[in-house]
C-alpha atoms as a PDB file:
ATOM      1  CA  MET A   1     -15.005   5.088  18.520  1.00  0.00           C
ATOM      2  CA  PHE A   2     -14.321   5.964  14.891  1.00  0.00           C
ATOM      3  CA  THR A   3     -12.573   9.339  14.769  1.00  0.00           C
ATOM      4  CA  GLU A   4     -12.004  11.799  11.937  1.00  0.00           C
ATOM      5  CA  GLN A   5      -8.368  10.691  11.938  1.00  0.00           C
ATOM      6  CA  ASP A   6      -9.494   7.076  11.489  1.00  0.00           C
ATOM      7  CA  LYS A   7     -11.734   8.133   8.601  1.00  0.00           C
ATOM      8  CA  LYS A   8      -8.889  10.018   6.911  1.00  0.00           C
ATOM      9  CA  LEU A   9      -6.545   7.044   7.382  1.00  0.00           C
ATOM     10  CA  LEU A  10      -9.066   4.642   5.889  1.00  0.00           C
ATOM     11  CA  GLU A  11      -9.722   6.878   2.883  1.00  0.00           C
ATOM     12  CA  THR A  12      -6.013   7.395   2.256  1.00  0.00           C
ATOM     13  CA  TYR A  13      -5.187   3.700   2.682  1.00  0.00           C
ATOM     14  CA  ASN A  14      -8.014   2.568   0.381  1.00  0.00           C
ATOM     15  CA  ALA A  15      -6.955   5.020  -2.325  1.00  0.00           C
ATOM     16  CA  ALA A  16      -3.352   3.757  -2.094  1.00  0.00           C
ATOM     17  CA  LEU A  17      -4.503   0.138  -2.171  1.00  0.00           C
ATOM     18  CA  SER A  18      -6.476   0.822  -5.330  1.00  0.00           C
ATOM     19  CA  LEU A  19      -3.345   2.294  -6.936  1.00  0.00           C
ATOM     20  CA  TYR A  20      -1.357  -0.761  -5.793  1.00  0.00           C
ATOM     21  CA  LYS A  21      -3.850  -3.074  -7.489  1.00  0.00           C
ATOM     22  CA  GLN A  22      -3.541  -0.980 -10.666  1.00  0.00           C
ATOM     23  CA  ARG A  23       0.252  -1.451 -10.528  1.00  0.00           C
ATOM     24  CA  LYS A  24       0.830   2.290 -10.112  1.00  0.00           C
ATOM     25  CA  TRP A  25       3.730   1.743  -7.754  1.00  0.00           C
ATOM     26  CA  ASP A  26       4.963   5.334  -7.352  1.00  0.00           C
ATOM     27  CA  ASP A  27       1.480   6.643  -6.610  1.00  0.00           C
ATOM     28  CA  ALA A  28       0.754   3.746  -4.257  1.00  0.00           C
ATOM     29  CA  ILE A  29       4.020   4.379  -2.400  1.00  0.00           C
ATOM     30  CA  THR A  30       3.107   8.047  -2.000  1.00  0.00           C
ATOM     31  CA  GLY A  31      -0.352   7.082  -0.746  1.00  0.00           C
ATOM     32  CA  PHE A  32       0.884   4.582   1.819  1.00  0.00           C
ATOM     33  CA  LYS A  33       3.425   7.122   3.075  1.00  0.00           C
ATOM     34  CA  LYS A  34       0.590   9.642   3.505  1.00  0.00           C
ATOM     35  CA  ALA A  35      -1.373   7.034   5.449  1.00  0.00           C
ATOM     36  CA  LEU A  36       1.644   6.507   7.701  1.00  0.00           C
ATOM     37  CA  GLU A  37       1.838  10.245   8.313  1.00  0.00           C
ATOM     38  CA  ILE A  38      -1.700  10.017   9.690  1.00  0.00           C
ATOM     39  CA  HIS A  39      -1.002   6.890  11.757  1.00  0.00           C
ATOM     40  CA  PRO A  40       2.708   5.925  11.875  1.00  0.00           C
ATOM     41  CA  ASP A  41       2.013   2.471  13.350  1.00  0.00           C
ATOM     42  CA  ASP A  42      -0.551   1.361  10.765  1.00  0.00           C
ATOM     43  CA  GLY A  43       0.500  -2.200   9.975  1.00  0.00           C
ATOM     44  CA  PRO A  44      -1.329  -2.624   6.654  1.00  0.00           C
ATOM     45  CA  SER A  45       0.114   0.635   5.286  1.00  0.00           C
ATOM     46  CA  LYS A  46       3.620  -0.431   6.313  1.00  0.00           C
ATOM     47  CA  LEU A  47       3.147  -3.838   4.692  1.00  0.00           C
ATOM     48  CA  TYR A  48       1.808  -2.511   1.403  1.00  0.00           C
ATOM     49  CA  LEU A  49       4.431   0.217   1.306  1.00  0.00           C
ATOM     50  CA  GLU A  50       7.117  -2.474   1.446  1.00  0.00           C
ATOM     51  CA  ARG A  51       5.351  -4.554  -1.203  1.00  0.00           C
ATOM     52  CA  SER A  52       4.897  -1.535  -3.483  1.00  0.00           C
ATOM     53  CA  GLU A  53       8.583  -0.704  -3.218  1.00  0.00           C
ATOM     54  CA  ALA A  54       9.498  -4.331  -3.935  1.00  0.00           C
ATOM     55  CA  TYR A  55       7.225  -4.468  -6.985  1.00  0.00           C
ATOM     56  CA  LYS A  56       8.545  -1.138  -8.220  1.00  0.00           C
ATOM     57  CA  ALA A  57      12.063  -2.598  -8.148  1.00  0.00           C
ATOM     58  CA  ASN A  58      10.970  -5.951  -9.592  1.00  0.00           C
ATOM     59  CA  PRO A  59       7.539  -5.718 -11.253  1.00  0.00           C
ATOM     60  CA  PRO A  60       5.319  -8.812 -11.315  1.00  0.00           C
ATOM     61  CA  GLY A  61       4.433 -10.506 -14.581  1.00  0.00           C
ATOM     62  CA  ASP A  62       1.531  -9.509 -16.777  1.00  0.00           C
ATOM     63  CA  ASP A  63      -0.571 -12.296 -15.287  1.00  0.00           C
ATOM     64  CA  TRP A  64      -0.282 -10.832 -11.749  1.00  0.00           C
ATOM     65  CA  ASP A  65      -3.591 -11.112  -9.929  1.00  0.00           C
ATOM     66  CA  GLY A  66      -2.710  -8.975  -6.908  1.00  0.00           C
ATOM     67  CA  VAL A  67      -1.446 -11.844  -4.799  1.00  0.00           C
ATOM     68  CA  PHE A  68       1.920 -11.325  -3.122  1.00  0.00           C
ATOM     69  CA  VAL A  69       4.222 -14.344  -3.316  1.00  0.00           C
ATOM     70  CA  MET A  70       6.880 -14.560  -0.614  1.00  0.00           C
ATOM     71  CA  LYS A  71      10.351 -15.255  -1.963  1.00  0.00           C
ATOM     72  CA  THR A  72      11.997 -16.043   1.395  1.00  0.00           C
ATOM     73  CA  LYS A  73      10.920 -17.523   4.667  1.00  0.00           C
END
């Protein structure tokens, strides 16, 4: 069953993901943290929070197409 909490999580996550794709790292980080306040175990929000923080520290090149490239195994 899709609850109001699920709806709020999905809206918050999608907004943060849009910011991530626009390279707005600080706003994306804030959004993913808000999503994790709604559902602390949300895997996608945790993953994109980590990626946003990594890209904030070391931004991708101008030709970045949204794909995350792993640097270590």
